[in-house]
């Protein structure tokens, strides 16, 4: 099986997601736990939410904003199979997320 990085995307921000009422948050978290349980055999790293970002470049270190909200690492037989796992995921069906981007984790060249 191949390994895939799934990145949850949302609105660019520099901190935690916007506040949800307690009932909506509980519903979303239960849906996320249910998704994780259904796919437990494919989850390599359960990942988690992402916080503020610092970019390191030749110019130094700077605070930046992006639309990355969280991640999970999974295994699947193909890129298509990995993507299918996220259809109707709670990240964008309940939470105010934008989508989930899935990409293969490739071997390091020369290793």
PDB file of N, CA and C in Angstrom:
ATOM      1  N   UNK A   1       0.833  -1.189   0.000  1.00  0.00           N
ATOM      2  CA  UNK A   1       0.000   0.000   0.000  1.00  0.00           C
ATOM      3  C   UNK A   1       0.870   1.242   0.000  1.00  0.00           C
ATOM      4  N   UNK A   2       0.370   2.265  -0.650  1.00  0.00           N
ATOM      5  CA  UNK A   2       1.078   3.538  -0.722  1.00  0.00           C
ATOM      6  C   UNK A   2       0.644   4.439   0.437  1.00  0.00           C
ATOM      7  N   UNK A   3       1.513   5.358   0.795  1.00  0.00           N
ATOM      8  CA  UNK A   3       1.241   6.307   1.871  1.00  0.00           C
ATOM      9  C   UNK A   3       0.838   7.645   1.252  1.00  0.00           C
ATOM     10  N   UNK A   4      -0.151   8.307   1.880  1.00  0.00           N
ATOM     11  CA  UNK A   4      -0.665   9.583   1.387  1.00  0.00           C
ATOM     12  C   UNK A   4      -0.786  10.575   2.535  1.00  0.00           C
ATOM     13  N   UNK A   5      -0.453  11.833   2.238  1.00  0.00           N
ATOM     14  CA  UNK A   5      -0.653  12.933   3.175  1.00  0.00           C
ATOM     15  C   UNK A   5      -1.942  13.634   2.773  1.00  0.00           C
ATOM     16  N   UNK A   6      -2.866  13.742   3.706  1.00  0.00           N
ATOM     17  CA  UNK A   6      -4.110  14.476   3.473  1.00  0.00           C
ATOM     18  C   UNK A   6      -4.050  15.746   4.305  1.00  0.00           C
ATOM     19  N   UNK A   7      -4.188  16.878   3.640  1.00  0.00           N
ATOM     20  CA  UNK A   7      -4.117  18.170   4.308  1.00  0.00           C
ATOM     21  C   UNK A   7      -5.499  18.816   4.271  1.00  0.00           C
ATOM     22  N   UNK A   8      -6.022  19.130   5.456  1.00  0.00           N
ATOM     23  CA  UNK A   8      -7.306  19.810   5.556  1.00  0.00           C
ATOM     24  C   UNK A   8      -7.066  21.293   5.291  1.00  0.00           C
ATOM     25  N   UNK A   9      -7.882  21.896   4.444  1.00  0.00           N
ATOM     26  CA  UNK A   9      -7.727  23.314   4.134  1.00  0.00           C
ATOM     27  C   UNK A   9      -8.943  24.093   4.608  1.00  0.00           C
ATOM     28  N   UNK A  10      -8.730  25.386   4.824  1.00  0.00           N
ATOM     29  CA  UNK A  10      -9.795  26.278   5.275  1.00  0.00           C
ATOM     30  C   UNK A  10      -9.449  27.701   4.906  1.00  0.00           C
ATOM     31  N   UNK A  11     -10.080  28.629   5.538  1.00  0.00           N
ATOM     32  CA  UNK A  11      -9.801  30.038   5.292  1.00  0.00           C
ATOM     33  C   UNK A  11      -8.435  30.399   5.869  1.00  0.00           C
ATOM     34  N   UNK A  12      -7.654  31.185   5.137  1.00  0.00           N
ATOM     35  CA  UNK A  12      -6.355  31.601   5.692  1.00  0.00           C
ATOM     36  C   UNK A  12      -6.568  32.372   6.998  1.00  0.00           C
ATOM     37  N   UNK A  13      -5.809  31.969   8.003  1.00  0.00           N
ATOM     38  CA  UNK A  13      -5.895  32.637   9.295  1.00  0.00           C
ATOM     39  C   UNK A  13      -4.608  32.387  10.060  1.00  0.00           C
ATOM     40  N   UNK A  14      -4.424  33.135  11.100  1.00  0.00           N
ATOM     41  CA  UNK A  14      -3.210  32.987  11.871  1.00  0.00           C
ATOM     42  C   UNK A  14      -3.413  32.322  13.209  1.00  0.00           C
ATOM     43  N   UNK A  15      -4.508  31.658  13.416  1.00  0.00           N
ATOM     44  CA  UNK A  15      -4.756  31.063  14.715  1.00  0.00           C
ATOM     45  C   UNK A  15      -5.819  29.993  14.648  1.00  0.00           C
ATOM     46  N   UNK A  16      -6.488  29.751  15.780  1.00  0.00           N
ATOM     47  CA  UNK A  16      -7.478  28.682  15.827  1.00  0.00           C
ATOM     48  C   UNK A  16      -8.689  28.985  14.946  1.00  0.00           C
ATOM     49  N   UNK A  17      -9.467  27.953  14.620  1.00  0.00           N
ATOM     50  CA  UNK A  17     -10.652  28.169  13.792  1.00  0.00           C
ATOM     51  C   UNK A  17     -11.679  29.045  14.499  1.00  0.00           C
ATOM     52  N   UNK A  18     -12.592  29.619  13.728  1.00  0.00           N
ATOM     53  CA  UNK A  18     -13.627  30.450  14.350  1.00  0.00           C
ATOM     54  C   UNK A  18     -14.443  29.628  15.347  1.00  0.00           C
ATOM     55  N   UNK A  19     -14.963  30.302  16.345  1.00  0.00           N
ATOM     56  CA  UNK A  19     -15.732  29.616  17.387  1.00  0.00           C
ATOM     57  C   UNK A  19     -17.015  29.015  16.813  1.00  0.00           C
ATOM     58  N   UNK A  20     -17.326  27.797  17.267  1.00  0.00           N
ATOM     59  CA  UNK A  20     -18.588  27.146  16.934  1.00  0.00           C
ATOM     60  C   UNK A  20     -19.344  26.973  18.238  1.00  0.00           C
ATOM     61  N   UNK A  21     -20.681  26.932  18.158  1.00  0.00           N
ATOM     62  CA  UNK A  21     -21.408  26.682  19.396  1.00  0.00           C
ATOM     63  C   UNK A  21     -21.119  25.250  19.852  1.00  0.00           C
ATOM     64  N   UNK A  22     -21.338  25.004  21.124  1.00  0.00           N
ATOM     65  CA  UNK A  22     -20.955  23.738  21.743  1.00  0.00           C
ATOM     66  C   UNK A  22     -21.607  22.534  21.064  1.00  0.00           C
ATOM     67  N   UNK A  23     -22.869  22.643  20.701  1.00  0.00           N
ATOM     68  CA  UNK A  23     -23.589  21.524  20.070  1.00  0.00           C
ATOM     69  C   UNK A  23     -23.009  21.214  18.693  1.00  0.00           C
ATOM     70  N   UNK A  24     -22.714  22.254  17.915  1.00  0.00           N
ATOM     71  CA  UNK A  24     -22.138  22.050  16.577  1.00  0.00           C
ATOM     72  C   UNK A  24     -20.744  21.433  16.682  1.00  0.00           C
ATOM     73  N   UNK A  25     -19.953  21.892  17.656  1.00  0.00           N
ATOM     74  CA  UNK A  25     -18.609  21.337  17.853  1.00  0.00           C
ATOM     75  C   UNK A  25     -18.697  19.862  18.253  1.00  0.00           C
ATOM     76  N   UNK A  26     -19.602  19.533  19.166  1.00  0.00           N
ATOM     77  CA  UNK A  26     -19.763  18.145  19.604  1.00  0.00           C
ATOM     78  C   UNK A  26     -20.189  17.260  18.435  1.00  0.00           C
ATOM     79  N   UNK A  27     -21.101  17.736  17.609  1.00  0.00           N
ATOM     80  CA  UNK A  27     -21.551  16.975  16.436  1.00  0.00           C
ATOM     81  C   UNK A  27     -20.396  16.754  15.472  1.00  0.00           C
ATOM     82  N   UNK A  28     -19.625  17.796  15.233  1.00  0.00           N
ATOM     83  CA  UNK A  28     -18.483  17.695  14.324  1.00  0.00           C
ATOM     84  C   UNK A  28     -17.408  16.755  14.840  1.00  0.00           C
ATOM     85  N   UNK A  29     -17.110  16.848  16.121  1.00  0.00           N
ATOM     86  CA  UNK A  29     -16.074  15.987  16.694  1.00  0.00           C
ATOM     87  C   UNK A  29     -16.512  14.521  16.707  1.00  0.00           C
ATOM     88  N   UNK A  30     -17.786  14.269  16.950  1.00  0.00           N
ATOM     89  CA  UNK A  30     -18.277  12.887  16.900  1.00  0.00           C
ATOM     90  C   UNK A  30     -18.195  12.354  15.465  1.00  0.00           C
ATOM     91  N   UNK A  31     -18.541  13.179  14.500  1.00  0.00           N
ATOM     92  CA  UNK A  31     -18.447  12.762  13.094  1.00  0.00           C
ATOM     93  C   UNK A  31     -16.994  12.496  12.715  1.00  0.00           C
ATOM     94  N   UNK A  32     -16.070  13.328  13.215  1.00  0.00           N
ATOM     95  CA  UNK A  32     -14.650  13.109  12.932  1.00  0.00           C
ATOM     96  C   UNK A  32     -14.179  11.804  13.577  1.00  0.00           C
ATOM     97  N   UNK A  33     -14.557  11.548  14.842  1.00  0.00           N
ATOM     98  CA  UNK A  33     -14.187  10.288  15.512  1.00  0.00           C
ATOM     99  C   UNK A  33     -14.757   9.084  14.762  1.00  0.00           C
ATOM    100  N   UNK A  34     -16.001   9.208  14.296  1.00  0.00           N
ATOM    101  CA  UNK A  34     -16.621   8.117  13.530  1.00  0.00           C
ATOM    102  C   UNK A  34     -15.836   7.852  12.245  1.00  0.00           C
ATOM    103  N   UNK A  35     -15.407   8.929  11.556  1.00  0.00           N
ATOM    104  CA  UNK A  35     -14.618   8.770  10.330  1.00  0.00           C
ATOM    105  C   UNK A  35     -13.287   8.087  10.658  1.00  0.00           C
ATOM    106  N   UNK A  36     -12.634   8.522  11.723  1.00  0.00           N
ATOM    107  CA  UNK A  36     -11.359   7.916  12.122  1.00  0.00           C
ATOM    108  C   UNK A  36     -11.550   6.438  12.471  1.00  0.00           C
ATOM    109  N   UNK A  37     -12.635   6.093  13.167  1.00  0.00           N
ATOM    110  CA  UNK A  37     -12.908   4.693  13.512  1.00  0.00           C
ATOM    111  C   UNK A  37     -13.137   3.850  12.259  1.00  0.00           C
ATOM    112  N   UNK A  38     -13.930   4.378  11.312  1.00  0.00           N
ATOM    113  CA  UNK A  38     -14.205   3.640  10.068  1.00  0.00           C
ATOM    114  C   UNK A  38     -12.941   3.403   9.260  1.00  0.00           C
ATOM    115  N   UNK A  39     -11.984   4.304   9.359  1.00  0.00           N
ATOM    116  CA  UNK A  39     -10.775   4.237   8.541  1.00  0.00           C
ATOM    117  C   UNK A  39      -9.526   3.903   9.351  1.00  0.00           C
ATOM    118  N   UNK A  40      -9.699   3.401  10.568  1.00  0.00           N
ATOM    119  CA  UNK A  40      -8.573   3.145  11.469  1.00  0.00           C
ATOM    120  C   UNK A  40      -7.513   2.242  10.847  1.00  0.00           C
ATOM    121  N   UNK A  41      -7.909   1.273  10.043  1.00  0.00           N
ATOM    122  CA  UNK A  41      -6.947   0.369   9.424  1.00  0.00           C
ATOM    123  C   UNK A  41      -6.069   1.031   8.385  1.00  0.00           C
ATOM    124  N   UNK A  42      -6.465   2.214   7.920  1.00  0.00           N
ATOM    125  CA  UNK A  42      -5.701   2.940   6.901  1.00  0.00           C
ATOM    126  C   UNK A  42      -4.922   4.119   7.467  1.00  0.00           C
ATOM    127  N   UNK A  43      -5.201   4.509   8.711  1.00  0.00           N
ATOM    128  CA  UNK A  43      -4.553   5.690   9.294  1.00  0.00           C
ATOM    129  C   UNK A  43      -3.176   5.304   9.836  1.00  0.00           C
ATOM    130  N   UNK A  44      -2.146   5.949   9.283  1.00  0.00           N
ATOM    131  CA  UNK A  44      -0.761   5.730   9.694  1.00  0.00           C
ATOM    132  C   UNK A  44      -0.385   6.706  10.811  1.00  0.00           C
ATOM    133  N   UNK A  45      -0.825   7.954  10.675  1.00  0.00           N
ATOM    134  CA  UNK A  45      -0.564   9.018  11.650  1.00  0.00           C
ATOM    135  C   UNK A  45      -1.840   9.841  11.730  1.00  0.00           C
ATOM    136  N   UNK A  46      -2.465   9.886  12.889  1.00  0.00           N
ATOM    137  CA  UNK A  46      -3.749  10.584  13.013  1.00  0.00           C
ATOM    138  C   UNK A  46      -3.629  12.094  12.895  1.00  0.00           C
ATOM    139  N   UNK A  47      -2.401  12.612  12.856  1.00  0.00           N
ATOM    140  CA  UNK A  47      -2.199  14.036  12.615  1.00  0.00           C
ATOM    141  C   UNK A  47      -2.861  14.900  13.653  1.00  0.00           C
ATOM    142  N   UNK A  48      -3.437  16.015  13.201  1.00  0.00           N
ATOM    143  CA  UNK A  48      -4.111  16.935  14.097  1.00  0.00           C
ATOM    144  C   UNK A  48      -4.239  18.309  13.487  1.00  0.00           C
ATOM    145  N   UNK A  49      -4.814  19.240  14.251  1.00  0.00           N
ATOM    146  CA  UNK A  49      -4.949  20.616  13.775  1.00  0.00           C
ATOM    147  C   UNK A  49      -3.587  21.294  13.693  1.00  0.00           C
ATOM    148  N   UNK A  50      -3.502  22.283  12.844  1.00  0.00           N
ATOM    149  CA  UNK A  50      -2.262  23.046  12.686  1.00  0.00           C
ATOM    150  C   UNK A  50      -2.452  24.465  13.199  1.00  0.00           C
ATOM    151  N   UNK A  51      -1.415  25.004  13.788  1.00  0.00           N
ATOM    152  CA  UNK A  51      -1.460  26.357  14.342  1.00  0.00           C
ATOM    153  C   UNK A  51      -0.773  27.367  13.441  1.00  0.00           C
ATOM    154  N   UNK A  52      -0.328  28.444  14.044  1.00  0.00           N
ATOM    155  CA  UNK A  52       0.322  29.531  13.310  1.00  0.00           C
ATOM    156  C   UNK A  52       1.569  29.026  12.593  1.00  0.00           C
ATOM    157  N   UNK A  53       1.884  29.658  11.469  1.00  0.00           N
ATOM    158  CA  UNK A  53       2.976  29.212  10.600  1.00  0.00           C
ATOM    159  C   UNK A  53       4.121  30.212  10.594  1.00  0.00           C
ATOM    160  N   UNK A  54       5.333  29.702  10.645  1.00  0.00           N
ATOM    161  CA  UNK A  54       6.539  30.487  10.425  1.00  0.00           C
ATOM    162  C   UNK A  54       7.199  29.951   9.169  1.00  0.00           C
ATOM    163  N   UNK A  55       7.615  30.840   8.297  1.00  0.00           N
ATOM    164  CA  UNK A  55       8.312  30.458   7.076  1.00  0.00           C
ATOM    165  C   UNK A  55       9.782  30.808   7.222  1.00  0.00           C
ATOM    166  N   UNK A  56      10.633  29.817   6.960  1.00  0.00           N
ATOM    167  CA  UNK A  56      12.073  30.028   7.003  1.00  0.00           C
ATOM    168  C   UNK A  56      12.563  30.040   5.565  1.00  0.00           C
ATOM    169  N   UNK A  57      13.283  31.089   5.194  1.00  0.00           N
ATOM    170  CA  UNK A  57      13.843  31.213   3.840  1.00  0.00           C
ATOM    171  C   UNK A  57      15.215  31.871   3.946  1.00  0.00           C
ATOM    172  N   UNK A  58      15.812  32.109   2.818  1.00  0.00           N
ATOM    173  CA  UNK A  58      17.112  32.796   2.816  1.00  0.00           C
ATOM    174  C   UNK A  58      17.011  34.186   3.428  1.00  0.00           C
ATOM    175  N   UNK A  59      15.792  34.754   3.409  1.00  0.00           N
ATOM    176  CA  UNK A  59      15.587  36.090   3.964  1.00  0.00           C
ATOM    177  C   UNK A  59      15.441  36.080   5.482  1.00  0.00           C
ATOM    178  N   UNK A  60      15.289  34.882   6.059  1.00  0.00           N
ATOM    179  CA  UNK A  60      15.129  34.777   7.504  1.00  0.00           C
ATOM    180  C   UNK A  60      13.853  34.046   7.865  1.00  0.00           C
ATOM    181  N   UNK A  61      13.304  34.408   9.013  1.00  0.00           N
ATOM    182  CA  UNK A  61      12.097  33.775   9.533  1.00  0.00           C
ATOM    183  C   UNK A  61      10.986  34.820   9.570  1.00  0.00           C
ATOM    184  N   UNK A  62       9.803  34.430   9.069  1.00  0.00           N
ATOM    185  CA  UNK A  62       8.676  35.363   9.045  1.00  0.00           C
ATOM    186  C   UNK A  62       7.392  34.631   9.397  1.00  0.00           C
ATOM    187  N   UNK A  63       6.477  35.339  10.055  1.00  0.00           N
ATOM    188  CA  UNK A  63       5.135  34.812  10.283  1.00  0.00           C
ATOM    189  C   UNK A  63       4.366  34.927   8.976  1.00  0.00           C
ATOM    190  N   UNK A  64       3.697  33.849   8.566  1.00  0.00           N
ATOM    191  CA  UNK A  64       2.900  33.861   7.340  1.00  0.00           C
ATOM    192  C   UNK A  64       1.542  33.239   7.616  1.00  0.00           C
ATOM    193  N   UNK A  65       0.611  33.478   6.705  1.00  0.00           N
ATOM    194  CA  UNK A  65      -0.721  32.894   6.792  1.00  0.00           C
ATOM    195  C   UNK A  65      -0.912  31.992   5.587  1.00  0.00           C
ATOM    196  N   UNK A  66      -1.570  30.870   5.801  1.00  0.00           N
ATOM    197  CA  UNK A  66      -1.906  29.970   4.703  1.00  0.00           C
ATOM    198  C   UNK A  66      -3.253  29.330   5.015  1.00  0.00           C
ATOM    199  N   UNK A  67      -3.707  28.448   4.130  1.00  0.00           N
ATOM    200  CA  UNK A  67      -5.014  27.831   4.347  1.00  0.00           C
ATOM    201  C   UNK A  67      -4.916  26.397   4.882  1.00  0.00           C
ATOM    202  N   UNK A  68      -3.776  26.037   5.461  1.00  0.00           N
ATOM    203  CA  UNK A  68      -3.605  24.705   6.022  1.00  0.00           C
ATOM    204  C   UNK A  68      -4.203  24.652   7.424  1.00  0.00           C
ATOM    205  N   UNK A  69      -5.127  23.694   7.630  1.00  0.00           N
ATOM    206  CA  UNK A  69      -5.835  23.627   8.900  1.00  0.00           C
ATOM    207  C   UNK A  69      -5.485  22.390   9.725  1.00  0.00           C
ATOM    208  N   UNK A  70      -5.052  21.313   9.078  1.00  0.00           N
ATOM    209  CA  UNK A  70      -4.727  20.083   9.779  1.00  0.00           C
ATOM    210  C   UNK A  70      -4.243  19.040   8.800  1.00  0.00           C
ATOM    211  N   UNK A  71      -3.886  17.868   9.319  1.00  0.00           N
ATOM    212  CA  UNK A  71      -3.398  16.809   8.440  1.00  0.00           C
ATOM    213  C   UNK A  71      -3.644  15.436   9.047  1.00  0.00           C
ATOM    214  N   UNK A  72      -3.569  14.414   8.196  1.00  0.00           N
ATOM    215  CA  UNK A  72      -3.593  13.016   8.588  1.00  0.00           C
ATOM    216  C   UNK A  72      -2.783  12.262   7.532  1.00  0.00           C
ATOM    217  N   UNK A  73      -2.114  11.191   7.924  1.00  0.00           N
ATOM    218  CA  UNK A  73      -1.381  10.348   6.976  1.00  0.00           C
ATOM    219  C   UNK A  73      -2.105   9.007   6.911  1.00  0.00           C
ATOM    220  N   UNK A  74      -2.404   8.567   5.691  1.00  0.00           N
ATOM    221  CA  UNK A  74      -3.141   7.319   5.493  1.00  0.00           C
ATOM    222  C   UNK A  74      -2.399   6.415   4.512  1.00  0.00           C
ATOM    223  N   UNK A  75      -2.832   5.162   4.450  1.00  0.00           N
ATOM    224  CA  UNK A  75      -2.371   4.224   3.435  1.00  0.00           C
ATOM    225  C   UNK A  75      -3.573   3.824   2.602  1.00  0.00           C
ATOM    226  N   UNK A  76      -3.352   3.644   1.297  1.00  0.00           N
ATOM    227  CA  UNK A  76      -4.410   3.208   0.387  1.00  0.00           C
ATOM    228  C   UNK A  76      -3.767   2.528  -0.809  1.00  0.00           C
ATOM    229  N   UNK A  77      -4.576   1.782  -1.547  1.00  0.00           N
ATOM    230  CA  UNK A  77      -4.084   1.066  -2.723  1.00  0.00           C
ATOM    231  C   UNK A  77      -3.738   1.998  -3.872  1.00  0.00           C
ATOM    232  N   UNK A  78      -4.387   3.166  -3.940  1.00  0.00           N
ATOM    233  CA  UNK A  78      -4.137   4.112  -5.040  1.00  0.00           C
ATOM    234  C   UNK A  78      -4.486   5.522  -4.587  1.00  0.00           C
ATOM    235  N   UNK A  79      -4.067   6.492  -5.388  1.00  0.00           N
ATOM    236  CA  UNK A  79      -4.381   7.893  -5.116  1.00  0.00           C
ATOM    237  C   UNK A  79      -5.903   8.079  -5.130  1.00  0.00           C
ATOM    238  N   UNK A  80      -6.565   7.430  -6.089  1.00  0.00           N
ATOM    239  CA  UNK A  80      -8.018   7.528  -6.208  1.00  0.00           C
ATOM    240  C   UNK A  80      -8.710   6.940  -4.983  1.00  0.00           C
ATOM    241  N   UNK A  81      -8.204   5.796  -4.507  1.00  0.00           N
ATOM    242  CA  UNK A  81      -8.789   5.173  -3.315  1.00  0.00           C
ATOM    243  C   UNK A  81      -8.588   6.059  -2.091  1.00  0.00           C
ATOM    244  N   UNK A  82      -7.424   6.686  -1.996  1.00  0.00           N
ATOM    245  CA  UNK A  82      -7.161   7.591  -0.873  1.00  0.00           C
ATOM    246  C   UNK A  82      -8.132   8.772  -0.913  1.00  0.00           C
ATOM    247  N   UNK A  83      -8.319   9.350  -2.082  1.00  0.00           N
ATOM    248  CA  UNK A  83      -9.233  10.491  -2.212  1.00  0.00           C
ATOM    249  C   UNK A  83     -10.662  10.085  -1.872  1.00  0.00           C
ATOM    250  N   UNK A  84     -11.071   8.905  -2.289  1.00  0.00           N
ATOM    251  CA  UNK A  84     -12.439   8.445  -2.035  1.00  0.00           C
ATOM    252  C   UNK A  84     -12.736   8.339  -0.541  1.00  0.00           C
ATOM    253  N   UNK A  85     -11.720   8.080   0.267  1.00  0.00           N
ATOM    254  CA  UNK A  85     -11.920   7.976   1.714  1.00  0.00           C
ATOM    255  C   UNK A  85     -12.448   9.283   2.317  1.00  0.00           C
ATOM    256  N   UNK A  86     -12.177  10.403   1.669  1.00  0.00           N
ATOM    257  CA  UNK A  86     -12.514  11.714   2.227  1.00  0.00           C
ATOM    258  C   UNK A  86     -13.810  12.300   1.674  1.00  0.00           C
ATOM    259  N   UNK A  87     -14.502  11.546   0.826  1.00  0.00           N
ATOM    260  CA  UNK A  87     -15.771  12.030   0.289  1.00  0.00           C
ATOM    261  C   UNK A  87     -16.726  12.265   1.458  1.00  0.00           C
ATOM    262  N   UNK A  88     -17.331  13.429   1.522  1.00  0.00           N
ATOM    263  CA  UNK A  88     -18.262  13.805   2.596  1.00  0.00           C
ATOM    264  C   UNK A  88     -17.615  13.794   3.980  1.00  0.00           C
ATOM    265  N   UNK A  89     -16.324  14.067   4.049  1.00  0.00           N
ATOM    266  CA  UNK A  89     -15.617  14.127   5.329  1.00  0.00           C
ATOM    267  C   UNK A  89     -16.193  15.258   6.189  1.00  0.00           C
ATOM    268  N   UNK A  90     -16.252  15.078   7.516  1.00  0.00           N
ATOM    269  CA  UNK A  90     -16.809  16.129   8.384  1.00  0.00           C
ATOM    270  C   UNK A  90     -16.065  17.456   8.312  1.00  0.00           C
ATOM    271  N   UNK A  91     -14.820  17.438   7.851  1.00  0.00           N
ATOM    272  CA  UNK A  91     -14.061  18.697   7.772  1.00  0.00           C
ATOM    273  C   UNK A  91     -14.793  19.731   6.933  1.00  0.00           C
ATOM    274  N   UNK A  92     -15.421  19.313   5.865  1.00  0.00           N
ATOM    275  CA  UNK A  92     -16.142  20.277   5.031  1.00  0.00           C
ATOM    276  C   UNK A  92     -17.643  20.033   4.991  1.00  0.00           C
ATOM    277  N   UNK A  93     -18.116  18.951   5.581  1.00  0.00           N
ATOM    278  CA  UNK A  93     -19.559  18.742   5.605  1.00  0.00           C
ATOM    279  C   UNK A  93     -20.193  19.263   6.900  1.00  0.00           C
ATOM    280  N   UNK A  94     -19.394  19.395   7.971  1.00  0.00           N
ATOM    281  CA  UNK A  94     -19.904  19.920   9.247  1.00  0.00           C
ATOM    282  C   UNK A  94     -19.114  21.144   9.680  1.00  0.00           C
ATOM    283  N   UNK A  95     -17.795  21.011   9.705  1.00  0.00           N
ATOM    284  CA  UNK A  95     -16.942  22.132  10.088  1.00  0.00           C
ATOM    285  C   UNK A  95     -16.855  23.135   8.931  1.00  0.00           C
ATOM    286  N   UNK A  96     -16.397  24.345   9.198  1.00  0.00           N
ATOM    287  CA  UNK A  96     -16.322  25.347   8.127  1.00  0.00           C
ATOM    288  C   UNK A  96     -15.063  25.212   7.267  1.00  0.00           C
ATOM    289  N   UNK A  97     -14.590  23.983   7.067  1.00  0.00           N
ATOM    290  CA  UNK A  97     -13.398  23.772   6.257  1.00  0.00           C
ATOM    291  C   UNK A  97     -13.696  23.875   4.773  1.00  0.00           C
ATOM    292  N   UNK A  98     -12.659  24.028   4.008  1.00  0.00           N
ATOM    293  CA  UNK A  98     -12.761  24.209   2.564  1.00  0.00           C
ATOM    294  C   UNK A  98     -12.727  22.875   1.833  1.00  0.00           C
ATOM    295  N   UNK A  99     -11.766  22.019   2.169  1.00  0.00           N
ATOM    296  CA  UNK A  99     -11.613  20.745   1.490  1.00  0.00           C
ATOM    297  C   UNK A  99     -10.481  19.952   2.089  1.00  0.00           C
ATOM    298  N   UNK A 100     -10.139  18.857   1.420  1.00  0.00           N
ATOM    299  CA  UNK A 100      -9.033  18.010   1.837  1.00  0.00           C
ATOM    300  C   UNK A 100      -8.196  17.737   0.595  1.00  0.00           C
ATOM    301  N   UNK A 101      -6.920  18.049   0.654  1.00  0.00           N
ATOM    302  CA  UNK A 101      -5.995  17.794  -0.453  1.00  0.00           C
ATOM    303  C   UNK A 101      -5.174  16.558  -0.124  1.00  0.00           C
ATOM    304  N   UNK A 102      -5.170  15.589  -1.038  1.00  0.00           N
ATOM    305  CA  UNK A 102      -4.500  14.316  -0.803  1.00  0.00           C
ATOM    306  C   UNK A 102      -3.362  14.164  -1.796  1.00  0.00           C
ATOM    307  N   UNK A 103      -2.167  13.869  -1.280  1.00  0.00           N
ATOM    308  CA  UNK A 103      -1.002  13.704  -2.155  1.00  0.00           C
ATOM    309  C   UNK A 103      -0.185  12.507  -1.710  1.00  0.00           C
ATOM    310  N   UNK A 104       0.409  11.787  -2.672  1.00  0.00           N
ATOM    311  CA  UNK A 104       1.245  10.647  -2.293  1.00  0.00           C
ATOM    312  C   UNK A 104       2.524  11.115  -1.604  1.00  0.00           C
ATOM    313  N   UNK A 105       2.965  10.302  -0.648  1.00  0.00           N
ATOM    314  CA  UNK A 105       4.266  10.523  -0.021  1.00  0.00           C
ATOM    315  C   UNK A 105       5.241   9.691  -0.827  1.00  0.00           C
ATOM    316  N   UNK A 106       6.142  10.344  -1.518  1.00  0.00           N
ATOM    317  CA  UNK A 106       7.072   9.674  -2.429  1.00  0.00           C
ATOM    318  C   UNK A 106       8.366   9.292  -1.726  1.00  0.00           C
ATOM    319  N   UNK A 107       9.063   8.295  -2.257  1.00  0.00           N
ATOM    320  CA  UNK A 107      10.354   7.944  -1.658  1.00  0.00           C
ATOM    321  C   UNK A 107      11.370   9.061  -1.879  1.00  0.00           C
ATOM    322  N   UNK A 108      12.305   9.190  -0.954  1.00  0.00           N
ATOM    323  CA  UNK A 108      13.370  10.169  -1.085  1.00  0.00           C
ATOM    324  C   UNK A 108      14.289   9.696  -2.228  1.00  0.00           C
ATOM    325  N   UNK A 109      14.563  10.568  -3.197  1.00  0.00           N
ATOM    326  CA  UNK A 109      15.432  10.163  -4.306  1.00  0.00           C
ATOM    327  C   UNK A 109      16.794   9.682  -3.813  1.00  0.00           C
ATOM    328  N   UNK A 110      17.265   8.581  -4.375  1.00  0.00           N
ATOM    329  CA  UNK A 110      18.572   8.056  -4.040  1.00  0.00           C
ATOM    330  C   UNK A 110      18.615   7.229  -2.767  1.00  0.00           C
ATOM    331  N   UNK A 111      17.455   7.010  -2.144  1.00  0.00           N
ATOM    332  CA  UNK A 111      17.493   6.216  -0.900  1.00  0.00           C
ATOM    333  C   UNK A 111      17.098   4.781  -1.149  1.00  0.00           C
TER     334      UNK A 111
END
